Amino acid sequence: QVQLVESGGGLVQAGGSLRLSCSASGNTDCISTMAWYRQAPGKERELVAGITEGGTTNNADSVKGRFTISRDNAKNTLYLQMNSLKPGDAAVYYCIAFCVSWGASRDYWGTGTLVTVSS
């Protein structure tokens, strides 16, 4: 199995920046795509950004131009650089890793890190 631990969340003023990290351990050789999701109270969980093992990225329209997803495969670490934060970005941010085994994918989730943005 794979274990994921997020870090870097906190309180920041609107317009500020924050950098989230996700450290993966365990059977990390199976990991292909990784992604960040977020969920705010009263809202559905939404995809923020994803990145393939080769480095191809995709971001939600709401964060394009402000957030950057990256990964360091040698360190088994996923990052999310968040700039120009808005109150609407406040949420619990989750790291997810997709593993391929026997021709099928299995997903692993972290427990989340809280991001609070003041107005």
N, C-alpha and C. Protein backbone atom coordinates (compact mmCIF):
# COMPACT_ATOMS: atom_id res chain seq x y z
N GLN A 1 0.82 -1.17 0.00
CA GLN A 1 0.00 0.00 0.00
C GLN A 1 0.87 1.25 0.00
N VAL A 2 0.22 2.42 -0.17
CA VAL A 2 0.89 3.71 -0.19
C VAL A 2 0.30 4.58 0.90
N GLN A 3 1.18 5.28 1.61
CA GLN A 3 0.75 6.24 2.62
C GLN A 3 1.09 7.65 2.14
N LEU A 4 0.17 8.59 2.34
CA LEU A 4 0.34 9.97 1.91
C LEU A 4 0.14 10.90 3.10
N VAL A 5 1.05 11.86 3.25
CA VAL A 5 0.98 12.82 4.34
C VAL A 5 1.14 14.22 3.76
N GLU A 6 0.10 15.06 3.92
CA GLU A 6 0.15 16.43 3.44
C GLU A 6 0.70 17.35 4.53
N SER A 7 1.29 18.46 4.10
CA SER A 7 1.78 19.47 5.01
C SER A 7 1.81 20.81 4.31
N GLY A 8 1.94 21.89 5.07
CA GLY A 8 2.08 23.22 4.51
C GLY A 8 0.85 24.09 4.60
N GLY A 9 -0.27 23.55 5.05
CA GLY A 9 -1.47 24.36 5.19
C GLY A 9 -1.34 25.36 6.31
N GLY A 10 -2.23 26.35 6.31
CA GLY A 10 -2.21 27.37 7.34
C GLY A 10 -3.11 28.53 7.01
N LEU A 11 -2.94 29.61 7.75
CA LEU A 11 -3.72 30.82 7.57
C LEU A 11 -2.93 31.84 6.77
N VAL A 12 -3.56 32.40 5.74
CA VAL A 12 -2.91 33.39 4.90
C VAL A 12 -3.93 34.45 4.48
N GLN A 13 -3.47 35.68 4.31
CA GLN A 13 -4.34 36.75 3.84
C GLN A 13 -4.58 36.63 2.34
N ALA A 14 -5.72 37.14 1.89
CA ALA A 14 -6.00 37.17 0.47
C ALA A 14 -4.87 37.86 -0.28
N GLY A 15 -4.46 37.26 -1.39
CA GLY A 15 -3.35 37.77 -2.16
C GLY A 15 -2.02 37.15 -1.79
N GLY A 16 -1.98 36.41 -0.70
CA GLY A 16 -0.76 35.78 -0.25
C GLY A 16 -0.49 34.46 -0.93
N SER A 17 0.58 33.79 -0.48
CA SER A 17 1.01 32.54 -1.08
C SER A 17 1.20 31.45 -0.04
N LEU A 18 1.11 30.21 -0.49
CA LEU A 18 1.29 29.06 0.37
C LEU A 18 1.78 27.90 -0.49
N ARG A 19 2.62 27.05 0.07
CA ARG A 19 3.15 25.90 -0.64
C ARG A 19 2.80 24.63 0.12
N LEU A 20 2.04 23.75 -0.52
CA LEU A 20 1.66 22.48 0.07
C LEU A 20 2.58 21.37 -0.41
N SER A 21 2.83 20.40 0.46
CA SER A 21 3.65 19.25 0.12
C SER A 21 2.89 17.98 0.47
N CYS A 22 3.17 16.92 -0.27
CA CYS A 22 2.60 15.60 -0.01
C CYS A 22 3.71 14.58 -0.13
N SER A 23 4.01 13.92 0.97
CA SER A 23 5.07 12.92 1.01
C SER A 23 4.46 11.52 0.91
N ALA A 24 4.93 10.74 -0.05
CA ALA A 24 4.44 9.38 -0.26
C ALA A 24 5.46 8.37 0.25
N SER A 25 4.96 7.30 0.86
CA SER A 25 5.81 6.22 1.34
C SER A 25 5.11 4.89 1.12
N GLY A 26 5.84 3.81 1.33
CA GLY A 26 5.30 2.48 1.09
C GLY A 26 5.68 2.00 -0.30
N ASN A 27 4.72 1.41 -1.00
CA ASN A 27 4.94 0.86 -2.34
C ASN A 27 4.85 1.96 -3.38
N THR A 28 5.78 2.90 -3.34
CA THR A 28 5.71 4.07 -4.21
C THR A 28 6.02 3.77 -5.67
N ASP A 29 6.58 2.60 -5.96
CA ASP A 29 6.89 2.25 -7.34
C ASP A 29 5.64 2.13 -8.21
N CYS A 30 4.50 1.91 -7.60
CA CYS A 30 3.26 1.74 -8.37
C CYS A 30 2.63 3.05 -8.79
N ILE A 31 3.08 4.17 -8.23
CA ILE A 31 2.42 5.46 -8.43
C ILE A 31 2.62 5.96 -9.86
N SER A 32 1.52 6.38 -10.48
CA SER A 32 1.57 7.00 -11.79
C SER A 32 1.14 8.46 -11.66
N THR A 33 -0.15 8.74 -11.84
CA THR A 33 -0.66 10.10 -11.71
C THR A 33 -0.88 10.48 -10.25
N MET A 34 -0.62 11.75 -9.93
CA MET A 34 -0.92 12.29 -8.61
C MET A 34 -1.74 13.56 -8.81
N ALA A 35 -2.49 13.93 -7.78
CA ALA A 35 -3.38 15.08 -7.91
C ALA A 35 -3.67 15.70 -6.55
N TRP A 36 -4.16 16.93 -6.62
CA TRP A 36 -4.66 17.63 -5.44
C TRP A 36 -6.16 17.85 -5.60
N TYR A 37 -6.91 17.52 -4.58
CA TYR A 37 -8.33 17.82 -4.47
C TYR A 37 -8.54 18.74 -3.28
N ARG A 38 -9.68 19.43 -3.26
CA ARG A 38 -10.02 20.25 -2.11
C ARG A 38 -11.51 20.18 -1.84
N GLN A 39 -11.88 20.43 -0.60
CA GLN A 39 -13.28 20.44 -0.21
C GLN A 39 -13.50 21.48 0.87
N ALA A 40 -14.43 22.38 0.61
CA ALA A 40 -14.82 23.41 1.57
C ALA A 40 -16.15 23.03 2.19
N PRO A 41 -16.45 23.53 3.39
CA PRO A 41 -17.75 23.23 4.02
C PRO A 41 -18.91 23.62 3.12
N GLY A 42 -19.86 22.70 2.96
CA GLY A 42 -21.02 22.96 2.14
C GLY A 42 -20.79 22.83 0.65
N LYS A 43 -19.60 22.45 0.24
CA LYS A 43 -19.28 22.31 -1.18
C LYS A 43 -18.84 20.89 -1.49
N GLU A 44 -18.96 20.51 -2.76
CA GLU A 44 -18.50 19.21 -3.20
C GLU A 44 -16.98 19.21 -3.34
N ARG A 45 -16.40 18.03 -3.19
CA ARG A 45 -14.98 17.88 -3.41
C ARG A 45 -14.67 18.14 -4.89
N GLU A 46 -13.62 18.91 -5.16
CA GLU A 46 -13.29 19.25 -6.53
C GLU A 46 -11.81 19.02 -6.81
N LEU A 47 -11.53 18.68 -8.05
CA LEU A 47 -10.15 18.52 -8.50
C LEU A 47 -9.51 19.88 -8.67
N VAL A 48 -8.33 20.06 -8.10
CA VAL A 48 -7.58 21.30 -8.22
C VAL A 48 -6.57 21.20 -9.36
N ALA A 49 -5.75 20.16 -9.33
CA ALA A 49 -4.72 19.98 -10.34
C ALA A 49 -4.24 18.54 -10.33
N GLY A 50 -3.76 18.07 -11.48
CA GLY A 50 -3.21 16.74 -11.59
C GLY A 50 -1.91 16.76 -12.37
N ILE A 51 -1.09 15.74 -12.16
CA ILE A 51 0.19 15.64 -12.85
C ILE A 51 0.53 14.17 -13.08
N THR A 52 0.96 13.84 -14.30
CA THR A 52 1.34 12.48 -14.64
C THR A 52 2.76 12.19 -14.18
N GLU A 53 3.16 10.93 -14.28
CA GLU A 53 4.51 10.56 -13.91
C GLU A 53 5.53 11.27 -14.79
N GLY A 54 5.16 11.54 -16.04
CA GLY A 54 6.05 12.22 -16.97
C GLY A 54 6.07 13.73 -16.83
N GLY A 55 5.20 14.29 -15.99
CA GLY A 55 5.21 15.72 -15.74
C GLY A 55 4.13 16.52 -16.45
N THR A 56 3.24 15.87 -17.18
CA THR A 56 2.14 16.58 -17.82
C THR A 56 1.13 17.02 -16.77
N THR A 57 0.73 18.29 -16.82
CA THR A 57 -0.14 18.86 -15.79
C THR A 57 -1.47 19.32 -16.36
N ASN A 58 -2.45 19.43 -15.48
CA ASN A 58 -3.75 19.96 -15.82
C ASN A 58 -4.32 20.63 -14.57
N ASN A 59 -4.82 21.85 -14.73
CA ASN A 59 -5.35 22.61 -13.61
C ASN A 59 -6.81 22.96 -13.82
N ALA A 60 -7.54 23.09 -12.73
CA ALA A 60 -8.90 23.57 -12.80
C ALA A 60 -8.91 25.02 -13.27
N ASP A 61 -9.97 25.41 -13.98
CA ASP A 61 -10.04 26.78 -14.50
C ASP A 61 -9.96 27.82 -13.39
N SER A 62 -10.48 27.50 -12.22
CA SER A 62 -10.52 28.46 -11.13
C SER A 62 -9.15 28.79 -10.55
N VAL A 63 -8.14 27.95 -10.83
CA VAL A 63 -6.81 28.18 -10.27
C VAL A 63 -5.74 28.41 -11.32
N LYS A 64 -6.10 28.35 -12.60
CA LYS A 64 -5.12 28.55 -13.66
C LYS A 64 -4.48 29.92 -13.55
N GLY A 65 -3.17 29.96 -13.70
CA GLY A 65 -2.43 31.19 -13.58
C GLY A 65 -2.05 31.55 -12.17
N ARG A 66 -2.58 30.83 -11.18
CA ARG A 66 -2.28 31.11 -9.78
C ARG A 66 -1.63 29.94 -9.06
N PHE A 67 -2.03 28.72 -9.39
CA PHE A 67 -1.49 27.52 -8.74
C PHE A 67 -0.58 26.76 -9.70
N THR A 68 0.44 26.12 -9.16
CA THR A 68 1.35 25.30 -9.95
C THR A 68 1.57 23.97 -9.24
N ILE A 69 1.26 22.87 -9.92
CA ILE A 69 1.50 21.55 -9.37
C ILE A 69 2.82 21.01 -9.92
N SER A 70 3.57 20.32 -9.09
CA SER A 70 4.83 19.74 -9.51
C SER A 70 5.11 18.50 -8.66
N ARG A 71 6.10 17.73 -9.07
CA ARG A 71 6.47 16.53 -8.31
C ARG A 71 7.95 16.26 -8.44
N ASP A 72 8.49 15.61 -7.42
CA ASP A 72 9.87 15.16 -7.41
C ASP A 72 9.81 13.65 -7.21
N ASN A 73 9.91 12.90 -8.30
CA ASN A 73 9.75 11.45 -8.23
C ASN A 73 10.85 10.80 -7.39
N ALA A 74 12.05 11.35 -7.43
CA ALA A 74 13.15 10.80 -6.64
C ALA A 74 12.87 10.90 -5.15
N LYS A 75 12.16 11.96 -4.74
CA LYS A 75 11.83 12.17 -3.34
C LYS A 75 10.42 11.69 -2.99
N ASN A 76 9.69 11.19 -3.99
CA ASN A 76 8.31 10.74 -3.78
C ASN A 76 7.46 11.82 -3.13
N THR A 77 7.58 13.03 -3.66
CA THR A 77 6.90 14.18 -3.08
C THR A 77 6.13 14.96 -4.14
N LEU A 78 4.92 15.36 -3.81
CA LEU A 78 4.06 16.18 -4.65
C LEU A 78 3.95 17.57 -4.03
N TYR A 79 3.90 18.60 -4.87
CA TYR A 79 3.82 19.97 -4.38
C TYR A 79 2.67 20.71 -5.04
N LEU A 80 2.19 21.74 -4.35
CA LEU A 80 1.22 22.67 -4.91
C LEU A 80 1.60 24.07 -4.45
N GLN A 81 2.12 24.87 -5.37
CA GLN A 81 2.44 26.26 -5.08
C GLN A 81 1.21 27.10 -5.36
N MET A 82 0.70 27.78 -4.35
CA MET A 82 -0.52 28.57 -4.46
C MET A 82 -0.18 30.04 -4.28
N ASN A 83 -0.44 30.83 -5.30
CA ASN A 83 -0.21 32.27 -5.28
C ASN A 83 -1.52 33.01 -5.47
N SER A 84 -1.53 34.29 -5.11
CA SER A 84 -2.71 35.13 -5.26
C SER A 84 -3.95 34.46 -4.69
N LEU A 85 -3.84 33.97 -3.48
CA LEU A 85 -4.93 33.23 -2.85
C LEU A 85 -6.15 34.11 -2.63
N LYS A 86 -7.32 33.51 -2.82
CA LYS A 86 -8.59 34.17 -2.65
C LYS A 86 -9.36 33.50 -1.52
N PRO A 87 -10.33 34.20 -0.93
CA PRO A 87 -11.15 33.56 0.11
C PRO A 87 -11.81 32.28 -0.38
N GLY A 88 -12.16 32.20 -1.66
CA GLY A 88 -12.77 31.01 -2.22
C GLY A 88 -11.85 29.81 -2.28
N ASP A 89 -10.55 30.02 -2.08
CA ASP A 89 -9.59 28.92 -2.07
C ASP A 89 -9.54 28.20 -0.73
N ALA A 90 -10.14 28.75 0.29
CA ALA A 90 -10.12 28.14 1.62
C ALA A 90 -10.81 26.79 1.58
N ALA A 91 -10.13 25.77 2.05
CA ALA A 91 -10.66 24.41 2.01
C ALA A 91 -9.66 23.47 2.66
N VAL A 92 -10.06 22.21 2.83
CA VAL A 92 -9.13 21.15 3.18
C VAL A 92 -8.59 20.59 1.86
N TYR A 93 -7.29 20.57 1.72
CA TYR A 93 -6.65 20.10 0.51
C TYR A 93 -6.13 18.68 0.71
N TYR A 94 -6.46 17.79 -0.23
CA TYR A 94 -6.10 16.39 -0.15
C TYR A 94 -5.17 15.99 -1.28
N CYS A 95 -4.21 15.18 -0.96
CA CYS A 95 -3.30 14.59 -1.94
C CYS A 95 -3.82 13.20 -2.32
N ILE A 96 -3.76 12.86 -3.60
CA ILE A 96 -4.17 11.54 -4.06
C ILE A 96 -3.12 10.98 -5.00
N ALA A 97 -2.85 9.68 -4.86
CA ALA A 97 -1.91 8.97 -5.72
C ALA A 97 -2.62 7.79 -6.37
N PHE A 98 -2.43 7.65 -7.67
CA PHE A 98 -3.02 6.54 -8.42
C PHE A 98 -1.95 5.51 -8.72
N CYS A 99 -2.20 4.27 -8.29
CA CYS A 99 -1.27 3.18 -8.49
C CYS A 99 -1.83 2.19 -9.51
N VAL A 100 -0.96 1.65 -10.35
CA VAL A 100 -1.34 0.67 -11.36
C VAL A 100 -0.85 -0.70 -10.93
N SER A 101 -1.77 -1.66 -10.89
CA SER A 101 -1.43 -3.03 -10.51
C SER A 101 -2.39 -3.99 -11.19
N TRP A 102 -1.84 -5.02 -11.83
CA TRP A 102 -2.62 -6.02 -12.55
C TRP A 102 -3.56 -5.38 -13.58
N GLY A 103 -3.10 -4.35 -14.23
CA GLY A 103 -3.87 -3.68 -15.27
C GLY A 103 -4.99 -2.80 -14.76
N ALA A 104 -5.07 -2.60 -13.45
CA ALA A 104 -6.11 -1.76 -12.87
C ALA A 104 -5.48 -0.71 -11.96
N SER A 105 -6.23 0.36 -11.72
CA SER A 105 -5.74 1.45 -10.88
C SER A 105 -6.36 1.39 -9.49
N ARG A 106 -5.57 1.76 -8.50
CA ARG A 106 -6.04 1.89 -7.13
C ARG A 106 -5.60 3.26 -6.62
N ASP A 107 -6.50 3.97 -5.95
CA ASP A 107 -6.19 5.31 -5.48
C ASP A 107 -5.98 5.34 -3.98
N TYR A 108 -5.04 6.17 -3.54
CA TYR A 108 -4.73 6.37 -2.14
C TYR A 108 -4.86 7.84 -1.81
N TRP A 109 -5.42 8.13 -0.64
CA TRP A 109 -5.69 9.50 -0.21
C TRP A 109 -4.96 9.83 1.08
N GLY A 110 -4.51 11.07 1.19
CA GLY A 110 -4.00 11.57 2.44
C GLY A 110 -5.14 12.05 3.32
N THR A 111 -4.82 12.49 4.53
CA THR A 111 -5.85 12.93 5.47
C THR A 111 -6.17 14.41 5.34
N GLY A 112 -5.42 15.15 4.55
CA GLY A 112 -5.73 16.53 4.25
C GLY A 112 -4.97 17.54 5.10
N THR A 113 -4.86 18.74 4.57
CA THR A 113 -4.27 19.87 5.28
C THR A 113 -5.16 21.09 5.05
N LEU A 114 -5.42 21.84 6.11
CA LEU A 114 -6.37 22.95 6.07
C LEU A 114 -5.72 24.24 5.60
N VAL A 115 -6.35 24.88 4.62
CA VAL A 115 -5.93 26.19 4.13
C VAL A 115 -7.04 27.18 4.45
N THR A 116 -6.70 28.24 5.18
CA THR A 116 -7.65 29.28 5.53
C THR A 116 -7.17 30.60 4.93
N VAL A 117 -8.07 31.30 4.24
CA VAL A 117 -7.73 32.56 3.58
C VAL A 117 -8.62 33.65 4.15
N SER A 118 -8.03 34.66 4.75
CA SER A 118 -8.78 35.77 5.32
C SER A 118 -9.06 36.81 4.25
N SER A 119 -10.17 37.52 4.41
CA SER A 119 -10.57 38.56 3.45
C SER A 119 -9.97 39.90 3.79
